[in-house]
Amino acid sequence: MQTILKSEITCPNCGHKKIEEMPTNACQFFYECDNCKKVFKPSEGDCCVYCSYGTVPCPPIQQNKGCC
């Protein structure tokens, strides 16, 4: 199965959406919204912001390798 590298991330504060390319060598723990400038982190139990707020989980999760 091919790993998807783009995910649409939705800000939990203002609802702004943006398609981002996910890193393949590290989890992204912090993300700053382009719209409201709020910096947010993953929900409890998730390894990165893409797993919490994205349309596609991060590459390691997609590949069944667990969190970064």
N, C-alpha and C. Protein backbone atom coordinates (compact mmCIF):
# COMPACT_ATOMS: atom_id res chain seq x y z
N MET A 1 0.83 -1.18 0.00
CA MET A 1 0.00 0.00 0.00
C MET A 1 0.88 1.25 0.00
N GLN A 2 0.53 2.21 -0.84
CA GLN A 2 1.32 3.43 -0.95
C GLN A 2 0.98 4.39 0.19
N THR A 3 2.00 5.03 0.74
CA THR A 3 1.82 5.99 1.82
C THR A 3 1.37 7.33 1.26
N ILE A 4 0.32 7.87 1.84
CA ILE A 4 -0.20 9.18 1.44
C ILE A 4 0.56 10.23 2.24
N LEU A 5 1.10 11.24 1.55
CA LEU A 5 1.92 12.23 2.21
C LEU A 5 1.23 13.58 2.42
N LYS A 6 0.04 13.75 1.87
CA LYS A 6 -0.69 15.01 2.05
C LYS A 6 -1.94 14.77 2.89
N SER A 7 -2.20 15.72 3.76
CA SER A 7 -3.36 15.64 4.65
C SER A 7 -3.95 17.03 4.79
N GLU A 8 -5.26 17.12 4.84
CA GLU A 8 -5.90 18.41 5.10
C GLU A 8 -6.09 18.54 6.60
N ILE A 9 -5.41 19.52 7.18
CA ILE A 9 -5.45 19.72 8.62
C ILE A 9 -6.46 20.83 8.93
N THR A 10 -7.27 20.60 9.96
CA THR A 10 -8.30 21.55 10.36
C THR A 10 -7.98 22.10 11.74
N CYS A 11 -7.92 23.42 11.84
CA CYS A 11 -7.63 24.07 13.12
C CYS A 11 -8.79 23.82 14.09
N PRO A 12 -8.49 23.30 15.29
CA PRO A 12 -9.56 23.07 16.26
C PRO A 12 -10.10 24.36 16.89
N ASN A 13 -9.39 25.47 16.67
CA ASN A 13 -9.81 26.74 17.24
C ASN A 13 -10.77 27.51 16.33
N CYS A 14 -10.39 27.66 15.03
CA CYS A 14 -11.21 28.48 14.13
C CYS A 14 -11.81 27.70 12.96
N GLY A 15 -11.38 26.44 12.77
CA GLY A 15 -11.94 25.62 11.68
C GLY A 15 -11.26 25.82 10.33
N HIS A 16 -10.23 26.66 10.27
CA HIS A 16 -9.49 26.87 9.03
C HIS A 16 -8.87 25.55 8.56
N LYS A 17 -8.93 25.30 7.25
CA LYS A 17 -8.38 24.07 6.69
C LYS A 17 -7.26 24.38 5.72
N LYS A 18 -6.24 23.52 5.72
CA LYS A 18 -5.13 23.69 4.79
C LYS A 18 -4.54 22.32 4.49
N ILE A 19 -4.22 22.09 3.22
CA ILE A 19 -3.56 20.85 2.83
C ILE A 19 -2.07 21.03 3.03
N GLU A 20 -1.48 20.10 3.78
CA GLU A 20 -0.05 20.15 4.10
C GLU A 20 0.60 18.83 3.73
N GLU A 21 1.89 18.89 3.42
CA GLU A 21 2.67 17.68 3.21
C GLU A 21 3.24 17.24 4.55
N MET A 22 3.01 16.00 4.90
CA MET A 22 3.47 15.48 6.19
C MET A 22 4.93 15.08 6.12
N PRO A 23 5.67 15.32 7.20
CA PRO A 23 7.06 14.86 7.22
C PRO A 23 7.11 13.33 7.29
N THR A 24 8.13 12.75 6.68
CA THR A 24 8.26 11.29 6.71
C THR A 24 9.30 10.84 7.72
N ASN A 25 10.09 11.79 8.24
CA ASN A 25 11.19 11.42 9.14
C ASN A 25 10.94 11.84 10.59
N ALA A 26 9.78 12.43 10.88
CA ALA A 26 9.48 12.87 12.25
C ALA A 26 7.99 13.16 12.37
N CYS A 27 7.48 13.06 13.58
CA CYS A 27 6.10 13.46 13.83
C CYS A 27 6.06 14.96 14.07
N GLN A 28 4.97 15.58 13.67
CA GLN A 28 4.82 17.02 13.90
C GLN A 28 3.95 17.19 15.14
N PHE A 29 4.56 17.65 16.22
CA PHE A 29 3.87 17.76 17.49
C PHE A 29 3.17 19.11 17.65
N PHE A 30 3.68 20.16 17.02
CA PHE A 30 3.06 21.48 17.09
C PHE A 30 2.70 21.96 15.69
N TYR A 31 1.62 22.73 15.60
CA TYR A 31 1.19 23.29 14.32
C TYR A 31 0.58 24.66 14.58
N GLU A 32 0.99 25.66 13.79
CA GLU A 32 0.42 27.00 13.91
C GLU A 32 -0.56 27.24 12.77
N CYS A 33 -1.78 27.60 13.12
CA CYS A 33 -2.82 27.88 12.12
C CYS A 33 -2.46 29.16 11.36
N ASP A 34 -2.56 29.10 10.04
CA ASP A 34 -2.29 30.28 9.21
C ASP A 34 -3.32 31.37 9.42
N ASN A 35 -4.52 31.00 9.83
CA ASN A 35 -5.62 31.96 9.96
C ASN A 35 -5.62 32.67 11.32
N CYS A 36 -5.73 31.91 12.40
CA CYS A 36 -5.86 32.52 13.74
C CYS A 36 -4.54 32.58 14.51
N LYS A 37 -3.50 31.94 13.97
CA LYS A 37 -2.15 31.92 14.57
C LYS A 37 -2.06 31.14 15.88
N LYS A 38 -3.11 30.41 16.24
CA LYS A 38 -3.05 29.58 17.44
C LYS A 38 -2.14 28.38 17.16
N VAL A 39 -1.28 28.06 18.13
CA VAL A 39 -0.42 26.89 18.04
C VAL A 39 -1.09 25.77 18.82
N PHE A 40 -1.29 24.64 18.17
CA PHE A 40 -1.92 23.52 18.86
C PHE A 40 -1.08 22.27 18.75
N LYS A 41 -1.40 21.31 19.62
CA LYS A 41 -0.67 20.04 19.67
C LYS A 41 -1.68 18.91 19.58
N PRO A 42 -1.21 17.66 19.45
CA PRO A 42 -2.12 16.52 19.28
C PRO A 42 -3.07 16.33 20.47
N SER A 43 -4.19 15.72 20.20
CA SER A 43 -5.10 15.31 21.27
C SER A 43 -4.43 14.22 22.08
N GLU A 44 -4.84 14.06 23.31
CA GLU A 44 -4.26 13.03 24.17
C GLU A 44 -4.42 11.66 23.52
N GLY A 45 -3.34 10.91 23.46
CA GLY A 45 -3.36 9.58 22.87
C GLY A 45 -2.92 9.53 21.41
N ASP A 46 -2.83 10.69 20.75
CA ASP A 46 -2.35 10.75 19.37
C ASP A 46 -0.90 11.17 19.34
N CYS A 47 -0.17 10.74 18.30
CA CYS A 47 1.27 11.02 18.25
C CYS A 47 1.59 12.33 17.57
N CYS A 48 0.69 12.85 16.75
CA CYS A 48 1.01 14.09 16.03
C CYS A 48 -0.27 14.83 15.67
N VAL A 49 -0.11 16.07 15.19
CA VAL A 49 -1.28 16.88 14.84
C VAL A 49 -2.05 16.30 13.65
N TYR A 50 -1.37 15.58 12.78
CA TYR A 50 -2.07 14.98 11.62
C TYR A 50 -2.99 13.85 12.06
N CYS A 51 -2.57 13.09 13.05
CA CYS A 51 -3.43 12.01 13.56
C CYS A 51 -4.65 12.58 14.29
N SER A 52 -4.51 13.76 14.87
CA SER A 52 -5.62 14.38 15.60
C SER A 52 -6.52 15.24 14.72
N TYR A 53 -5.94 16.02 13.83
CA TYR A 53 -6.71 17.04 13.10
C TYR A 53 -6.64 16.93 11.59
N GLY A 54 -5.95 15.92 11.07
CA GLY A 54 -5.82 15.76 9.63
C GLY A 54 -6.80 14.75 9.06
N THR A 55 -6.93 14.78 7.75
CA THR A 55 -7.80 13.83 7.06
C THR A 55 -7.11 12.49 6.84
N VAL A 56 -5.77 12.48 6.98
CA VAL A 56 -4.97 11.27 6.77
C VAL A 56 -4.00 11.16 7.95
N PRO A 57 -3.87 9.99 8.57
CA PRO A 57 -2.89 9.84 9.66
C PRO A 57 -1.46 9.94 9.13
N CYS A 58 -0.52 10.19 10.03
CA CYS A 58 0.89 10.36 9.65
C CYS A 58 1.45 9.09 9.00
N PRO A 59 2.54 9.24 8.21
CA PRO A 59 3.12 8.08 7.51
C PRO A 59 3.45 6.88 8.41
N PRO A 60 4.07 7.05 9.60
CA PRO A 60 4.35 5.86 10.41
C PRO A 60 3.09 5.09 10.82
N ILE A 61 2.03 5.79 11.12
CA ILE A 61 0.77 5.12 11.48
C ILE A 61 0.19 4.40 10.26
N GLN A 62 0.26 5.04 9.08
CA GLN A 62 -0.22 4.41 7.86
C GLN A 62 0.53 3.11 7.58
N GLN A 63 1.81 3.08 7.93
CA GLN A 63 2.66 1.92 7.65
C GLN A 63 2.68 0.93 8.81
N ASN A 64 1.80 1.13 9.79
CA ASN A 64 1.70 0.25 10.96
C ASN A 64 3.01 0.16 11.73
N LYS A 65 3.75 1.27 11.78
CA LYS A 65 5.01 1.30 12.52
C LYS A 65 4.85 1.94 13.88
N GLY A 66 3.66 2.38 14.22
CA GLY A 66 3.44 3.05 15.49
C GLY A 66 3.88 4.50 15.42
N CYS A 67 3.82 5.14 16.55
CA CYS A 67 4.20 6.56 16.63
C CYS A 67 5.69 6.75 16.38
N CYS A 68 6.02 7.95 16.00
CA CYS A 68 7.41 8.32 15.76
C CYS A 68 8.22 8.30 17.03
